[in-house]
């Protein structure tokens, strides 16, 4: 699903990762992090895909909200577990969204 974001500017945290073969509650922890992030002040939305390479983009209203999310205790524990068990490599990028635009095909009417 494509996140519904406000009129820019806002921020994007882009998390790109390569996984190990270890499963160990990865899916449950990922869902918990999604739920927790949505409860954080300044959270705007998230988009995520995984094939061999995983990319998750979360959207935030400001840099302070991103910092508070990074400092969240449960999120910090999940990041540490990711380093120790789930990822062979990851990279986090923070970018300011200056402009966005979209296309959405309308559903055909049933007249």
Protein backbone atom coordinates (compact mmCIF):
# COMPACT_ATOMS: atom_id res chain seq x y z
CA UNK A 1 0.00 0.00 0.00
CA UNK A 2 1.25 3.49 -0.82
CA UNK A 3 1.40 5.77 2.22
CA UNK A 4 -0.81 8.85 2.22
CA UNK A 5 1.59 11.67 3.06
CA UNK A 6 0.91 15.38 3.58
CA UNK A 7 2.02 18.23 1.37
CA UNK A 8 5.85 18.47 1.60
CA UNK A 9 8.17 19.15 3.22
CA UNK A 10 8.42 16.07 5.42
CA UNK A 11 11.12 13.44 6.00
CA UNK A 12 11.74 9.90 4.79
CA UNK A 13 13.79 7.28 6.62
CA UNK A 14 14.93 4.71 4.07
CA UNK A 15 16.02 1.40 5.58
CA UNK A 16 17.63 -1.00 3.08
CA UNK A 17 18.64 -4.47 4.26
CA UNK A 18 19.93 -7.91 3.38
CA UNK A 19 18.72 -10.75 5.61
CA UNK A 20 20.39 -13.77 7.13
CA UNK A 21 18.61 -17.14 7.06
CA UNK A 22 17.62 -16.75 10.73
CA UNK A 23 13.84 -16.42 11.14
CA UNK A 24 13.56 -16.22 14.98
CA UNK A 25 10.47 -14.00 15.45
CA UNK A 26 11.53 -11.63 12.66
CA UNK A 27 7.99 -11.25 11.26
CA UNK A 28 6.45 -10.71 14.69
CA UNK A 29 9.08 -8.13 15.61
CA UNK A 30 8.65 -6.36 12.28
CA UNK A 31 4.88 -6.12 12.83
CA UNK A 32 5.42 -4.86 16.38
CA UNK A 33 7.82 -2.17 15.11
CA UNK A 34 5.26 -1.09 12.50
CA UNK A 35 2.57 -0.84 15.19
CA UNK A 36 4.88 1.02 17.58
CA UNK A 37 6.06 3.46 14.90
CA UNK A 38 2.46 4.33 14.06
CA UNK A 39 1.95 5.39 17.68
CA UNK A 40 4.91 7.79 17.63
CA UNK A 41 4.35 11.51 17.38
CA UNK A 42 5.25 12.73 13.91
CA UNK A 43 4.77 9.38 12.15
CA UNK A 44 3.11 9.84 8.75
CA UNK A 45 3.20 6.42 7.08
CA UNK A 46 5.30 3.49 5.91
CA UNK A 47 5.92 1.46 2.76
CA UNK A 48 7.85 -1.79 2.73
CA UNK A 49 8.91 -4.49 0.26
CA UNK A 50 11.16 -7.50 0.55
CA UNK A 51 12.56 -9.84 -2.04
CA UNK A 52 16.26 -10.58 -1.61
CA UNK A 53 16.74 -6.91 -0.80
CA UNK A 54 14.38 -5.32 1.71
CA UNK A 55 13.43 -1.65 1.57
CA UNK A 56 11.28 0.08 4.15
CA UNK A 57 10.54 3.79 3.89
CA UNK A 58 8.91 5.48 6.85
CA UNK A 59 7.68 9.07 6.65
CA UNK A 60 7.96 11.59 9.45
CA UNK A 61 6.91 15.18 10.03
CA UNK A 62 10.27 16.34 11.41
CA UNK A 63 13.78 15.30 12.42
CA UNK A 64 12.97 15.38 16.14
CA UNK A 65 10.28 12.71 15.64
CA UNK A 66 12.82 10.52 13.82
CA UNK A 67 15.31 10.96 16.66
CA UNK A 68 12.69 10.02 19.27
CA UNK A 69 11.79 6.90 17.28
CA UNK A 70 15.46 5.90 17.11
CA UNK A 71 15.70 6.36 20.89
CA UNK A 72 12.56 4.27 21.58
CA UNK A 73 13.66 1.44 23.88
CA UNK A 74 11.80 -1.37 22.08
CA UNK A 75 13.01 -0.11 18.70
CA UNK A 76 16.61 -0.02 20.00
CA UNK A 77 16.30 -3.64 21.20
CA UNK A 78 14.93 -4.72 17.81
CA UNK A 79 17.81 -2.94 16.01
CA UNK A 80 20.33 -4.75 18.19
CA UNK A 81 18.68 -8.08 17.51
CA UNK A 82 18.75 -7.22 13.81
CA UNK A 83 22.51 -6.66 13.97
CA UNK A 84 23.06 -9.90 15.87
CA UNK A 85 20.60 -12.22 14.08
CA UNK A 86 18.57 -10.99 11.13
CA UNK A 87 20.75 -8.84 8.88
CA UNK A 88 24.02 -9.35 7.05
CA UNK A 89 23.99 -5.70 5.95
CA UNK A 90 21.74 -2.70 6.32
CA UNK A 91 21.86 1.00 5.61
CA UNK A 92 19.65 3.80 6.89
CA UNK A 93 19.26 7.06 5.00
CA UNK A 94 17.31 10.12 6.10
CA UNK A 95 16.07 12.48 3.41
CA UNK A 96 13.93 15.58 3.30
CA UNK A 97 11.06 15.27 0.83
CA UNK A 98 10.83 18.58 -0.98
CA UNK A 99 8.26 17.57 -3.55
CA UNK A 100 5.98 14.65 -4.34
CA UNK A 101 3.36 13.85 -6.94
CA UNK A 102 1.23 10.85 -7.73
CA UNK A 103 -1.02 9.09 -10.19
CA UNK A 104 -3.96 6.93 -9.23
CA UNK A 105 -6.25 5.30 -11.77
CA UNK A 106 -9.89 5.72 -10.88
CA UNK A 107 -12.07 2.64 -10.69
CA UNK A 108 -14.38 2.37 -13.72
CA UNK A 109 -17.98 3.22 -13.01
CA UNK A 110 -20.49 0.40 -13.23
CA UNK A 111 -23.11 2.32 -15.28
